[in-house]
Amino acid sequence: MSLGDKIGTLVQSESERAAGPRRALLVGSTALLVGLGLVGLRPSDPNDTSVIDIGSVLTLLALFLIIGAIHTYGRLGPDDGGSRGG
């Protein structure tokens, strides 16, 4: 069995509850890259910062989406029945 087959089996065996957080991670990471790209653009007019402002807002929203998706995805793991700590 190749590595690709093992990864495919692992992804398919994962519960359907994980599809939403995985999609949110994909959308958030794409939006983060676009937002950072917009922030990095140099405007032709120094007084026109509208593209940079849009990029800043998009970057912040993408970061919140990624943080929420990571939190949700992490909460989908198995719960250990024992108590934590000592």
Protein backbone atom coordinates (compact mmCIF):
# COMPACT_ATOMS: atom_id res chain seq x y z
CA MET A 1 0.00 0.00 0.00
CA SER A 2 1.48 3.34 -1.04
CA LEU A 3 1.65 6.45 1.10
CA GLY A 4 -1.06 8.12 -1.01
CA ASP A 5 -3.42 5.20 -0.41
CA LYS A 6 -2.77 5.35 3.33
CA ILE A 7 -3.48 9.09 3.45
CA GLY A 8 -6.63 8.64 1.34
CA THR A 9 -7.89 5.92 3.66
CA LEU A 10 -7.17 8.08 6.71
CA VAL A 11 -9.03 11.07 5.27
CA GLN A 12 -12.01 8.97 4.16
CA SER A 13 -12.25 7.23 7.52
CA GLU A 14 -12.39 10.55 9.33
CA SER A 15 -15.86 11.53 10.47
CA GLU A 16 -18.13 13.80 8.48
CA ARG A 17 -18.01 16.30 11.35
CA ALA A 18 -14.44 17.13 10.33
CA ALA A 19 -15.45 18.23 6.82
CA GLY A 20 -16.59 21.69 7.98
CA PRO A 21 -13.44 22.59 9.92
CA ARG A 22 -11.23 21.28 7.10
CA ARG A 23 -13.12 23.44 4.62
CA ALA A 24 -12.81 26.44 6.97
CA LEU A 25 -9.06 25.86 7.18
CA LEU A 26 -8.82 25.81 3.39
CA VAL A 27 -10.91 28.97 2.96
CA GLY A 28 -9.12 30.74 5.80
CA SER A 29 -5.66 29.94 4.52
CA THR A 30 -6.57 31.06 1.00
CA ALA A 31 -8.09 34.30 2.31
CA LEU A 32 -5.00 34.87 4.46
CA LEU A 33 -2.72 34.61 1.43
CA VAL A 34 -4.92 36.95 -0.61
CA GLY A 35 -5.13 39.43 2.28
CA LEU A 36 -1.38 39.45 2.80
CA GLY A 37 -0.91 39.93 -0.94
CA LEU A 38 -3.23 42.94 -0.89
CA VAL A 39 -1.41 44.42 2.09
CA GLY A 40 1.89 44.04 0.24
CA LEU A 41 0.72 45.97 -2.83
CA ARG A 42 2.26 49.39 -3.23
CA PRO A 43 -0.38 51.92 -4.28
CA SER A 44 0.45 54.22 -7.18
CA ASP A 45 -0.99 57.14 -5.21
CA PRO A 46 0.47 57.35 -1.68
CA ASN A 47 -2.82 58.76 -0.34
CA ASP A 48 -4.90 55.86 -1.70
CA THR A 49 -4.70 53.08 0.89
CA SER A 50 -8.07 51.46 0.19
CA VAL A 51 -6.52 48.24 -1.16
CA ILE A 52 -4.23 47.99 1.85
CA ASP A 53 -7.17 48.58 4.20
CA ILE A 54 -9.20 45.85 2.49
CA GLY A 55 -6.21 43.52 2.72
CA SER A 56 -5.80 44.26 6.43
CA VAL A 57 -9.44 43.50 7.18
CA LEU A 58 -9.35 40.34 5.06
CA THR A 59 -6.18 39.18 6.82
CA LEU A 60 -7.71 39.68 10.27
CA LEU A 61 -10.92 37.88 9.32
CA ALA A 62 -8.91 35.00 7.84
CA LEU A 63 -6.87 34.69 11.03
CA PHE A 64 -10.04 34.52 13.14
CA LEU A 65 -11.45 31.87 10.79
CA ILE A 66 -8.27 29.80 10.97
CA ILE A 67 -8.13 30.03 14.78
CA GLY A 68 -11.77 28.95 15.04
CA ALA A 69 -11.27 26.08 12.59
CA ILE A 70 -8.19 24.81 14.40
CA HIS A 71 -10.05 24.96 17.71
CA THR A 72 -13.07 23.13 16.29
CA TYR A 73 -10.95 20.55 14.49
CA GLY A 74 -8.94 19.90 17.65
CA ARG A 75 -12.11 19.41 19.69
CA LEU A 76 -13.23 16.60 17.36
CA GLY A 77 -10.57 14.23 18.67
CA PRO A 78 -11.28 11.32 20.96
CA ASP A 79 -11.99 12.07 24.60
CA ASP A 80 -10.01 10.10 27.10
CA GLY A 81 -12.26 8.77 29.82
CA GLY A 82 -9.75 9.30 32.62
CA SER A 83 -9.20 12.36 34.68
CA ARG A 84 -6.36 14.71 33.87
CA GLY A 85 -3.82 15.94 36.29
CA GLY A 86 -2.67 14.40 39.49
